[in-house]
Amino acid sequence: MVKDKRGPKNPKQFDLYTFVAGAALEAGKPFPLECNCGGVVTVMPPFQDEYVVCARCESRIRMLVIEGDPGYIIGADSDGTPKLLPVQGSSKPHPSKLSEAEREAILAEVRAQLGAKDK
């Protein structure tokens, strides 16, 4: 998840952002959403709010819905290095469950497409 570095909380500010598979919402079944603190929020259908609150750390987590059922999307570190970001609720493997060789092959392809230097 991505941490929001803006100031104090108000109704439209969130502490964290996470990506959620649209297919998980369309399936109409509960699914776990993991917080950075290790807490788990069970998202129950029907999906009515754009965010959930972690019971463990009280972070407000905004859910950004990604069409389909991707296991990950491509993001970047602050220095521009590509990385795999998990999509929660996906039936596909979490990026951490991919082998190092699989992750590196995906990221090498991304770097090649972006014309970035290997880091």
N, C-alpha and C. Protein backbone atom coordinates (compact mmCIF):
# COMPACT_ATOMS: atom_id res chain seq x y z
N MET A 1 0.83 -1.17 0.00
CA MET A 1 0.00 0.00 0.00
C MET A 1 0.87 1.24 0.00
N VAL A 2 0.28 2.32 -0.43
CA VAL A 2 1.00 3.57 -0.53
C VAL A 2 0.55 4.47 0.61
N LYS A 3 1.49 5.08 1.32
CA LYS A 3 1.19 5.93 2.48
C LYS A 3 0.90 7.35 2.02
N ASP A 4 -0.15 7.96 2.59
CA ASP A 4 -0.51 9.34 2.30
C ASP A 4 0.24 10.24 3.27
N LYS A 5 1.03 11.18 2.76
CA LYS A 5 1.87 12.01 3.63
C LYS A 5 1.26 13.38 3.89
N ARG A 6 0.00 13.57 3.53
CA ARG A 6 -0.64 14.85 3.80
C ARG A 6 -0.92 15.01 5.29
N GLY A 7 -1.40 16.16 5.66
CA GLY A 7 -1.61 16.53 7.05
C GLY A 7 -2.67 15.73 7.80
N PRO A 8 -3.31 16.36 8.80
CA PRO A 8 -4.26 15.66 9.67
C PRO A 8 -5.45 15.10 8.89
N LYS A 9 -6.09 14.11 9.52
CA LYS A 9 -7.22 13.44 8.88
C LYS A 9 -8.42 14.36 8.77
N ASN A 10 -9.12 14.26 7.64
CA ASN A 10 -10.45 14.82 7.49
C ASN A 10 -11.22 13.84 6.64
N PRO A 11 -12.52 14.02 6.45
CA PRO A 11 -13.31 13.00 5.77
C PRO A 11 -12.81 12.58 4.39
N LYS A 12 -12.09 13.40 3.69
CA LYS A 12 -11.64 13.05 2.34
C LYS A 12 -10.15 12.69 2.28
N GLN A 13 -9.49 12.56 3.41
CA GLN A 13 -8.09 12.18 3.39
C GLN A 13 -7.93 10.75 3.90
N PHE A 14 -6.94 10.09 3.34
CA PHE A 14 -6.72 8.69 3.67
C PHE A 14 -5.27 8.50 4.10
N ASP A 15 -5.04 7.49 4.93
CA ASP A 15 -3.70 7.19 5.40
C ASP A 15 -2.95 6.32 4.40
N LEU A 16 -3.68 5.40 3.77
CA LEU A 16 -3.09 4.45 2.82
C LEU A 16 -3.98 4.30 1.61
N TYR A 17 -3.38 3.86 0.53
CA TYR A 17 -4.11 3.56 -0.69
C TYR A 17 -3.74 2.14 -1.11
N THR A 18 -4.72 1.39 -1.62
CA THR A 18 -4.44 0.05 -2.11
C THR A 18 -5.27 -0.22 -3.36
N PHE A 19 -4.79 -1.13 -4.17
CA PHE A 19 -5.49 -1.52 -5.39
C PHE A 19 -6.30 -2.78 -5.11
N VAL A 20 -7.53 -2.81 -5.64
CA VAL A 20 -8.43 -3.93 -5.44
C VAL A 20 -8.91 -4.41 -6.81
N ALA A 21 -8.93 -5.72 -7.00
CA ALA A 21 -9.38 -6.31 -8.26
C ALA A 21 -10.89 -6.11 -8.43
N GLY A 22 -11.28 -5.54 -9.56
CA GLY A 22 -12.70 -5.35 -9.85
C GLY A 22 -13.45 -6.67 -9.85
N ALA A 23 -12.79 -7.73 -10.30
CA ALA A 23 -13.42 -9.05 -10.34
C ALA A 23 -13.81 -9.52 -8.94
N ALA A 24 -13.04 -9.15 -7.93
CA ALA A 24 -13.36 -9.54 -6.55
C ALA A 24 -14.65 -8.87 -6.10
N LEU A 25 -14.85 -7.64 -6.51
CA LEU A 25 -16.07 -6.94 -6.13
C LEU A 25 -17.27 -7.49 -6.89
N GLU A 26 -17.07 -7.82 -8.17
CA GLU A 26 -18.15 -8.36 -8.99
C GLU A 26 -18.57 -9.75 -8.54
N ALA A 27 -17.65 -10.50 -7.94
CA ALA A 27 -17.96 -11.87 -7.50
C ALA A 27 -18.97 -11.88 -6.35
N GLY A 28 -19.03 -10.77 -5.61
CA GLY A 28 -20.00 -10.67 -4.53
C GLY A 28 -19.66 -11.49 -3.30
N LYS A 29 -18.40 -11.92 -3.16
CA LYS A 29 -17.98 -12.70 -1.99
C LYS A 29 -17.03 -11.87 -1.14
N PRO A 30 -17.04 -12.08 0.17
CA PRO A 30 -16.09 -11.36 1.03
C PRO A 30 -14.64 -11.72 0.66
N PHE A 31 -13.74 -10.75 0.82
CA PHE A 31 -12.32 -11.03 0.62
C PHE A 31 -11.49 -10.22 1.60
N PRO A 32 -10.31 -10.73 1.96
CA PRO A 32 -9.46 -10.03 2.93
C PRO A 32 -8.65 -8.92 2.27
N LEU A 33 -8.56 -7.80 2.95
CA LEU A 33 -7.72 -6.69 2.50
C LEU A 33 -6.67 -6.50 3.58
N GLU A 34 -5.40 -6.61 3.22
CA GLU A 34 -4.31 -6.54 4.19
C GLU A 34 -3.79 -5.11 4.34
N CYS A 35 -3.62 -4.70 5.58
CA CYS A 35 -3.05 -3.39 5.90
C CYS A 35 -1.54 -3.53 6.05
N ASN A 36 -0.83 -2.42 5.93
CA ASN A 36 0.62 -2.43 6.11
C ASN A 36 1.03 -2.89 7.51
N CYS A 37 0.15 -2.69 8.50
CA CYS A 37 0.49 -3.05 9.88
C CYS A 37 0.34 -4.55 10.13
N GLY A 38 -0.21 -5.27 9.17
CA GLY A 38 -0.44 -6.70 9.34
C GLY A 38 -1.89 -7.02 9.66
N GLY A 39 -2.68 -5.99 9.93
CA GLY A 39 -4.11 -6.19 10.17
C GLY A 39 -4.82 -6.59 8.89
N VAL A 40 -5.96 -7.24 9.05
CA VAL A 40 -6.75 -7.67 7.89
C VAL A 40 -8.17 -7.17 8.07
N VAL A 41 -8.69 -6.53 7.01
CA VAL A 41 -10.07 -6.07 6.99
C VAL A 41 -10.82 -6.96 6.01
N THR A 42 -11.94 -7.51 6.41
CA THR A 42 -12.75 -8.30 5.49
C THR A 42 -13.70 -7.36 4.77
N VAL A 43 -13.56 -7.29 3.44
CA VAL A 43 -14.42 -6.45 2.62
C VAL A 43 -15.65 -7.29 2.26
N MET A 44 -16.81 -6.80 2.68
CA MET A 44 -18.06 -7.53 2.48
C MET A 44 -18.87 -6.88 1.36
N PRO A 45 -19.44 -7.70 0.47
CA PRO A 45 -20.32 -7.14 -0.54
C PRO A 45 -21.65 -6.74 0.10
N PRO A 46 -22.39 -5.83 -0.44
CA PRO A 46 -22.02 -5.05 -1.61
C PRO A 46 -21.02 -3.95 -1.23
N PHE A 47 -20.15 -3.65 -2.14
CA PHE A 47 -19.11 -2.64 -1.98
C PHE A 47 -19.78 -1.27 -1.98
N GLN A 48 -19.79 -0.58 -0.83
CA GLN A 48 -20.51 0.69 -0.74
C GLN A 48 -19.62 1.89 -0.47
N ASP A 49 -18.49 1.68 0.15
CA ASP A 49 -17.61 2.80 0.49
C ASP A 49 -16.32 2.73 -0.31
N GLU A 50 -15.67 3.88 -0.44
CA GLU A 50 -14.41 3.91 -1.17
C GLU A 50 -13.22 3.58 -0.25
N TYR A 51 -13.50 3.38 1.01
CA TYR A 51 -12.42 3.10 1.96
C TYR A 51 -12.88 2.16 3.05
N VAL A 52 -11.90 1.58 3.75
CA VAL A 52 -12.14 0.77 4.94
C VAL A 52 -11.22 1.30 6.03
N VAL A 53 -11.50 0.92 7.27
CA VAL A 53 -10.65 1.32 8.40
C VAL A 53 -10.07 0.05 9.01
N CYS A 54 -8.77 0.03 9.17
CA CYS A 54 -8.10 -1.10 9.81
C CYS A 54 -8.39 -1.08 11.31
N ALA A 55 -8.93 -2.17 11.81
CA ALA A 55 -9.25 -2.25 13.25
C ALA A 55 -7.99 -2.27 14.10
N ARG A 56 -6.88 -2.73 13.53
CA ARG A 56 -5.64 -2.85 14.30
C ARG A 56 -4.94 -1.51 14.51
N CYS A 57 -4.80 -0.72 13.43
CA CYS A 57 -4.04 0.54 13.55
C CYS A 57 -4.88 1.78 13.27
N GLU A 58 -6.16 1.58 12.89
CA GLU A 58 -7.11 2.65 12.61
C GLU A 58 -6.76 3.48 11.38
N SER A 59 -5.93 2.95 10.49
CA SER A 59 -5.64 3.64 9.24
C SER A 59 -6.86 3.61 8.33
N ARG A 60 -7.11 4.72 7.66
CA ARG A 60 -8.17 4.79 6.65
C ARG A 60 -7.52 4.41 5.32
N ILE A 61 -8.01 3.32 4.73
CA ILE A 61 -7.41 2.76 3.51
C ILE A 61 -8.35 2.97 2.35
N ARG A 62 -7.94 3.80 1.41
CA ARG A 62 -8.73 4.05 0.20
C ARG A 62 -8.50 2.91 -0.78
N MET A 63 -9.59 2.37 -1.32
CA MET A 63 -9.51 1.27 -2.28
C MET A 63 -9.66 1.81 -3.70
N LEU A 64 -8.66 1.56 -4.52
CA LEU A 64 -8.70 1.98 -5.91
C LEU A 64 -8.95 0.72 -6.74
N VAL A 65 -10.08 0.68 -7.43
CA VAL A 65 -10.51 -0.52 -8.14
C VAL A 65 -9.82 -0.59 -9.51
N ILE A 66 -9.22 -1.75 -9.76
CA ILE A 66 -8.54 -2.04 -11.03
C ILE A 66 -9.41 -3.04 -11.79
N GLU A 67 -9.70 -2.75 -13.03
CA GLU A 67 -10.54 -3.63 -13.83
C GLU A 67 -9.94 -5.02 -13.96
N GLY A 68 -10.80 -6.02 -13.91
CA GLY A 68 -10.36 -7.40 -14.11
C GLY A 68 -9.81 -8.04 -12.85
N ASP A 69 -8.87 -8.97 -13.07
CA ASP A 69 -8.30 -9.76 -11.98
C ASP A 69 -6.78 -9.86 -12.10
N PRO A 70 -6.08 -8.72 -12.15
CA PRO A 70 -4.62 -8.80 -12.21
C PRO A 70 -4.05 -9.13 -10.84
N GLY A 71 -2.97 -9.86 -10.78
CA GLY A 71 -2.34 -10.16 -9.50
C GLY A 71 -1.49 -9.00 -9.01
N TYR A 72 -1.09 -8.15 -9.95
CA TYR A 72 -0.24 -7.01 -9.61
C TYR A 72 -0.36 -5.97 -10.71
N ILE A 73 0.09 -4.76 -10.41
CA ILE A 73 0.25 -3.73 -11.42
C ILE A 73 1.68 -3.22 -11.29
N ILE A 74 2.13 -2.51 -12.30
CA ILE A 74 3.49 -1.96 -12.29
C ILE A 74 3.45 -0.57 -11.66
N GLY A 75 4.31 -0.37 -10.68
CA GLY A 75 4.46 0.93 -10.04
C GLY A 75 5.93 1.30 -10.06
N ALA A 76 6.29 2.28 -9.26
CA ALA A 76 7.70 2.69 -9.19
C ALA A 76 8.02 3.21 -7.80
N ASP A 77 9.27 2.99 -7.39
CA ASP A 77 9.77 3.58 -6.16
C ASP A 77 9.95 5.08 -6.39
N SER A 78 10.27 5.83 -5.34
CA SER A 78 10.45 7.28 -5.47
C SER A 78 11.58 7.65 -6.42
N ASP A 79 12.53 6.73 -6.62
CA ASP A 79 13.64 7.01 -7.55
C ASP A 79 13.33 6.56 -8.98
N GLY A 80 12.10 6.06 -9.21
CA GLY A 80 11.71 5.66 -10.55
C GLY A 80 11.94 4.20 -10.87
N THR A 81 12.50 3.45 -9.94
CA THR A 81 12.74 2.02 -10.17
C THR A 81 11.41 1.28 -10.21
N PRO A 82 11.12 0.54 -11.30
CA PRO A 82 9.86 -0.19 -11.39
C PRO A 82 9.74 -1.25 -10.30
N LYS A 83 8.50 -1.47 -9.85
CA LYS A 83 8.23 -2.50 -8.86
C LYS A 83 6.84 -3.05 -9.09
N LEU A 84 6.58 -4.23 -8.56
CA LEU A 84 5.28 -4.86 -8.68
C LEU A 84 4.44 -4.52 -7.44
N LEU A 85 3.26 -3.96 -7.66
CA LEU A 85 2.36 -3.61 -6.57
C LEU A 85 1.21 -4.61 -6.54
N PRO A 86 0.92 -5.20 -5.40
CA PRO A 86 -0.14 -6.20 -5.34
C PRO A 86 -1.52 -5.59 -5.56
N VAL A 87 -2.40 -6.39 -6.16
CA VAL A 87 -3.81 -6.02 -6.30
C VAL A 87 -4.58 -6.95 -5.36
N GLN A 88 -5.20 -6.37 -4.35
CA GLN A 88 -5.87 -7.17 -3.33
C GLN A 88 -7.19 -7.72 -3.86
N GLY A 89 -7.55 -8.89 -3.38
CA GLY A 89 -8.77 -9.55 -3.81
C GLY A 89 -8.60 -10.33 -5.10
N SER A 90 -7.40 -10.30 -5.67
CA SER A 90 -7.14 -11.01 -6.92
C SER A 90 -7.00 -12.51 -6.66
N SER A 91 -7.41 -13.31 -7.63
CA SER A 91 -7.22 -14.76 -7.52
C SER A 91 -5.82 -15.15 -7.99
N LYS A 92 -5.09 -14.21 -8.57
CA LYS A 92 -3.73 -14.47 -9.06
C LYS A 92 -2.75 -14.37 -7.90
N PRO A 93 -1.55 -14.94 -8.06
CA PRO A 93 -0.57 -14.91 -6.96
C PRO A 93 -0.12 -13.48 -6.62
N HIS A 94 0.08 -13.25 -5.33
CA HIS A 94 0.67 -12.00 -4.83
C HIS A 94 2.08 -11.91 -5.41
N PRO A 95 2.56 -10.72 -5.74
CA PRO A 95 3.92 -10.61 -6.29
C PRO A 95 5.00 -11.28 -5.44
N SER A 96 4.81 -11.29 -4.12
CA SER A 96 5.80 -11.92 -3.25
C SER A 96 5.81 -13.44 -3.40
N LYS A 97 4.75 -14.00 -3.95
CA LYS A 97 4.67 -15.45 -4.16
C LYS A 97 5.32 -15.88 -5.48
N LEU A 98 5.62 -14.92 -6.35
CA LEU A 98 6.33 -15.24 -7.59
C LEU A 98 7.79 -15.52 -7.26
N SER A 99 8.43 -16.35 -8.05
CA SER A 99 9.85 -16.61 -7.82
C SER A 99 10.64 -15.34 -8.14
N GLU A 100 11.83 -15.25 -7.60
CA GLU A 100 12.70 -14.10 -7.88
C GLU A 100 12.93 -13.98 -9.39
N ALA A 101 13.11 -15.11 -10.07
CA ALA A 101 13.33 -15.11 -11.52
C ALA A 101 12.11 -14.57 -12.26
N GLU A 102 10.91 -14.95 -11.82
CA GLU A 102 9.68 -14.45 -12.46
C GLU A 102 9.54 -12.95 -12.27
N ARG A 103 9.76 -12.49 -11.03
CA ARG A 103 9.66 -11.05 -10.76
C ARG A 103 10.68 -10.28 -11.57
N GLU A 104 11.91 -10.78 -11.61
CA GLU A 104 12.96 -10.08 -12.34
C GLU A 104 12.69 -10.05 -13.84
N ALA A 105 12.13 -11.12 -14.39
CA ALA A 105 11.80 -11.16 -15.82
C ALA A 105 10.74 -10.11 -16.15
N ILE A 106 9.73 -10.00 -15.29
CA ILE A 106 8.68 -9.01 -15.51
C ILE A 106 9.25 -7.60 -15.43
N LEU A 107 10.05 -7.34 -14.40
CA LEU A 107 10.62 -6.01 -14.23
C LEU A 107 11.63 -5.66 -15.32
N ALA A 108 12.37 -6.65 -15.80
CA ALA A 108 13.32 -6.41 -16.91
C ALA A 108 12.56 -5.99 -18.16
N GLU A 109 11.42 -6.63 -18.40
CA GLU A 109 10.61 -6.26 -19.56
C GLU A 109 10.08 -4.84 -19.41
N VAL A 110 9.66 -4.48 -18.20
CA VAL A 110 9.17 -3.13 -17.95
C VAL A 110 10.28 -2.11 -18.19
N ARG A 111 11.47 -2.40 -17.63
CA ARG A 111 12.59 -1.47 -17.83
C ARG A 111 12.92 -1.32 -19.30
N ALA A 112 12.86 -2.43 -20.03
CA ALA A 112 13.16 -2.37 -21.48
C ALA A 112 12.12 -1.52 -22.19
N GLN A 113 10.87 -1.68 -21.82
CA GLN A 113 9.79 -0.90 -22.44
C GLN A 113 9.91 0.57 -22.11
N LEU A 114 10.36 0.88 -20.92
CA LEU A 114 10.52 2.26 -20.50
C LEU A 114 11.85 2.86 -20.93
N GLY A 115 12.75 2.00 -21.39
CA GLY A 115 14.08 2.48 -21.77
C GLY A 115 14.92 2.86 -20.57
N ALA A 116 14.55 2.32 -19.40
CA ALA A 116 15.27 2.64 -18.17
C ALA A 116 16.54 1.80 -18.06
N LYS A 117 17.49 2.30 -17.30
CA LYS A 117 18.71 1.54 -17.03
C LYS A 117 18.44 0.50 -15.95
N ASP A 118 19.12 -0.65 -16.05
CA ASP A 118 19.02 -1.65 -14.98
C ASP A 118 19.65 -1.09 -13.73
N LYS A 119 18.98 -1.34 -12.61
CA LYS A 119 19.50 -0.83 -11.33
C LYS A 119 19.87 -1.96 -10.44
